[in-house]
């Protein structure tokens, strides 16, 4: 008699284990579908932003998209645990400031295109965003992060 109960318990555990495996597989498939849509949307946003800045080509779009995949897998907006780098592309505020100070400053047309594409305040047409401004913009403005990536 005790042997039968042990078999029944073992069968019951197997059923539960199998049900859990099926449930996990279903969750994983749903997650994959959601990521597929996220990737599609990110590619579209990247292409649109690069077009608005006048820098779109297939290689540039792919490079920016793959940067997000490598840096955060499109799952993190802040570097863990330091929170220094921001956005899916993990750009540091000092890097964004440097891009303005040492690159865009000498290319005013491109500077203005970035300001327009990112829908930034007009004050940035006359002054370089501070490191603190860059930190905030990288965190809340996806187009800005794409331009800085």
Protein backbone atom coordinates (compact mmCIF):
# COMPACT_ATOMS: atom_id res chain seq x y z
CA UNK A 1 0.00 0.00 0.00
CA UNK A 2 2.71 2.57 0.86
CA UNK A 3 4.37 1.76 -2.47
CA UNK A 4 1.23 2.78 -4.38
CA UNK A 5 1.04 6.16 -2.63
CA UNK A 6 4.66 6.84 -3.45
CA UNK A 7 3.99 6.07 -7.13
CA UNK A 8 0.94 8.31 -7.14
CA UNK A 9 2.89 11.18 -5.55
CA UNK A 10 5.69 10.70 -8.06
CA UNK A 11 3.23 10.80 -10.97
CA UNK A 12 1.59 13.89 -9.52
CA UNK A 13 5.00 15.63 -9.24
CA UNK A 14 5.76 14.73 -12.87
CA UNK A 15 2.43 16.19 -14.02
CA UNK A 16 3.12 19.43 -12.11
CA UNK A 17 6.66 19.60 -13.46
CA UNK A 18 5.40 19.06 -17.02
CA UNK A 19 2.70 21.72 -16.58
CA UNK A 20 5.29 24.18 -15.29
CA UNK A 21 7.55 23.47 -18.29
CA UNK A 22 4.65 24.06 -20.70
CA UNK A 23 3.73 27.30 -18.94
CA UNK A 24 7.34 28.55 -19.04
CA UNK A 25 7.58 27.71 -22.74
CA UNK A 26 4.36 29.66 -23.41
CA UNK A 27 5.70 32.66 -21.48
CA UNK A 28 8.97 32.52 -23.39
CA UNK A 29 7.12 32.46 -26.73
CA UNK A 30 5.00 35.46 -25.69
CA UNK A 31 8.14 37.30 -24.61
CA UNK A 32 9.81 36.57 -27.95
CA UNK A 33 6.78 37.95 -29.80
CA UNK A 34 6.84 41.13 -27.70
CA UNK A 35 10.58 41.59 -28.32
CA UNK A 36 9.99 41.05 -32.04
CA UNK A 37 7.55 43.95 -32.04
CA UNK A 38 9.89 46.08 -29.92
CA UNK A 39 12.76 45.44 -32.35
CA UNK A 40 10.53 46.29 -35.31
CA UNK A 41 9.42 49.52 -33.65
CA UNK A 42 12.97 50.48 -32.66
CA UNK A 43 14.20 49.97 -36.23
CA UNK A 44 11.41 52.24 -37.46
CA UNK A 45 12.19 54.94 -34.87
CA UNK A 46 15.92 54.77 -35.67
CA UNK A 47 15.28 55.06 -39.42
CA UNK A 48 12.91 57.99 -38.90
CA UNK A 49 15.34 59.83 -36.62
CA UNK A 50 18.31 59.30 -38.91
CA UNK A 51 16.21 60.49 -41.88
CA UNK A 52 15.20 63.62 -39.99
CA UNK A 53 18.85 64.39 -39.26
CA UNK A 54 19.84 63.59 -42.84
CA UNK A 55 22.18 60.75 -41.88
CA UNK A 56 20.13 57.73 -42.89
CA UNK A 57 21.62 54.85 -44.78
CA UNK A 58 21.17 51.11 -44.26
CA UNK A 59 24.56 50.65 -42.55
CA UNK A 60 24.06 53.55 -40.15
CA UNK A 61 20.60 52.32 -39.18
CA UNK A 62 21.85 48.78 -38.64
CA UNK A 63 24.82 50.00 -36.61
CA UNK A 64 22.65 52.08 -34.26
CA UNK A 65 20.13 49.24 -33.87
CA UNK A 66 22.88 46.70 -33.14
CA UNK A 67 24.45 49.09 -30.62
CA UNK A 68 21.20 48.95 -28.64
CA UNK A 69 21.15 45.16 -28.87
CA UNK A 70 24.71 44.84 -27.59
CA UNK A 71 24.53 47.51 -24.90
CA UNK A 72 21.14 46.79 -23.31
CA UNK A 73 19.23 44.26 -25.42
CA UNK A 74 16.60 47.03 -25.40
CA UNK A 75 15.78 46.23 -21.76
CA UNK A 76 17.60 48.88 -19.73
CA UNK A 77 17.41 52.66 -19.83
CA UNK A 78 20.12 53.14 -17.19
CA UNK A 79 23.39 51.33 -16.72
CA UNK A 80 23.32 49.00 -13.75
CA UNK A 81 24.32 49.63 -11.01
CA UNK A 82 26.05 53.00 -11.57
CA UNK A 83 23.31 54.62 -13.71
CA UNK A 84 26.00 56.60 -15.53
CA UNK A 85 25.19 55.54 -19.09
CA UNK A 86 21.66 56.24 -20.28
CA UNK A 87 19.19 55.01 -22.90
CA UNK A 88 19.03 51.71 -24.71
CA UNK A 89 22.35 52.68 -26.32
CA UNK A 90 24.11 53.26 -22.98
CA UNK A 91 25.53 56.68 -23.91
CA UNK A 92 27.27 58.56 -21.12
CA UNK A 93 26.25 62.21 -20.62
CA UNK A 94 29.89 63.30 -20.93
CA UNK A 95 30.05 61.62 -24.34
CA UNK A 96 26.93 63.44 -25.53
CA UNK A 97 28.36 66.74 -24.26
CA UNK A 98 31.63 66.00 -26.07
CA UNK A 99 29.78 65.30 -29.33
CA UNK A 100 28.24 68.77 -29.12
CA UNK A 101 31.41 70.51 -27.95
CA UNK A 102 33.93 68.88 -30.28
CA UNK A 103 31.93 67.78 -33.30
CA UNK A 104 28.55 69.46 -33.78
CA UNK A 105 29.90 72.88 -32.78
CA UNK A 106 31.88 72.87 -36.04
CA UNK A 107 28.96 71.59 -38.12
CA UNK A 108 26.16 74.07 -37.42
CA UNK A 109 23.86 72.64 -40.10
CA UNK A 110 24.03 69.19 -38.55
CA UNK A 111 23.71 70.73 -35.07
CA UNK A 112 20.43 72.40 -36.07
CA UNK A 113 19.19 69.21 -37.73
CA UNK A 114 19.81 67.30 -34.47
CA UNK A 115 17.99 70.00 -32.46
CA UNK A 116 15.01 69.82 -34.84
CA UNK A 117 14.91 66.00 -35.09
CA UNK A 118 15.04 65.67 -31.31
CA UNK A 119 12.51 68.47 -30.83
CA UNK A 120 14.80 70.20 -28.36
CA UNK A 121 14.28 73.66 -26.94
CA UNK A 122 15.46 76.50 -29.21
CA UNK A 123 17.94 77.63 -26.55
CA UNK A 124 20.15 74.73 -27.67
CA UNK A 125 20.59 76.40 -31.05
CA UNK A 126 22.77 78.98 -29.30
CA UNK A 127 24.31 77.04 -26.44
CA UNK A 128 25.70 73.57 -25.89
CA UNK A 129 23.62 71.40 -23.53
CA UNK A 130 25.35 70.93 -20.18
CA UNK A 131 26.36 67.46 -19.01
CA UNK A 132 23.29 67.52 -16.71
CA UNK A 133 21.08 68.47 -19.67
CA UNK A 134 22.59 65.62 -21.68
CA UNK A 135 21.89 63.18 -18.83
CA UNK A 136 18.24 64.23 -18.71
CA UNK A 137 17.86 64.22 -22.51
CA UNK A 138 19.46 60.79 -22.90
CA UNK A 139 17.03 59.45 -20.30
CA UNK A 140 13.79 60.94 -21.65
CA UNK A 141 14.37 61.62 -25.36
CA UNK A 142 14.80 58.57 -27.56
CA UNK A 143 15.61 60.61 -30.68
CA UNK A 144 18.40 62.42 -28.78
CA UNK A 145 19.82 59.07 -27.64
CA UNK A 146 19.76 57.77 -31.22
CA UNK A 147 21.60 60.87 -32.46
CA UNK A 148 24.25 60.50 -29.76
CA UNK A 149 24.71 56.73 -30.23
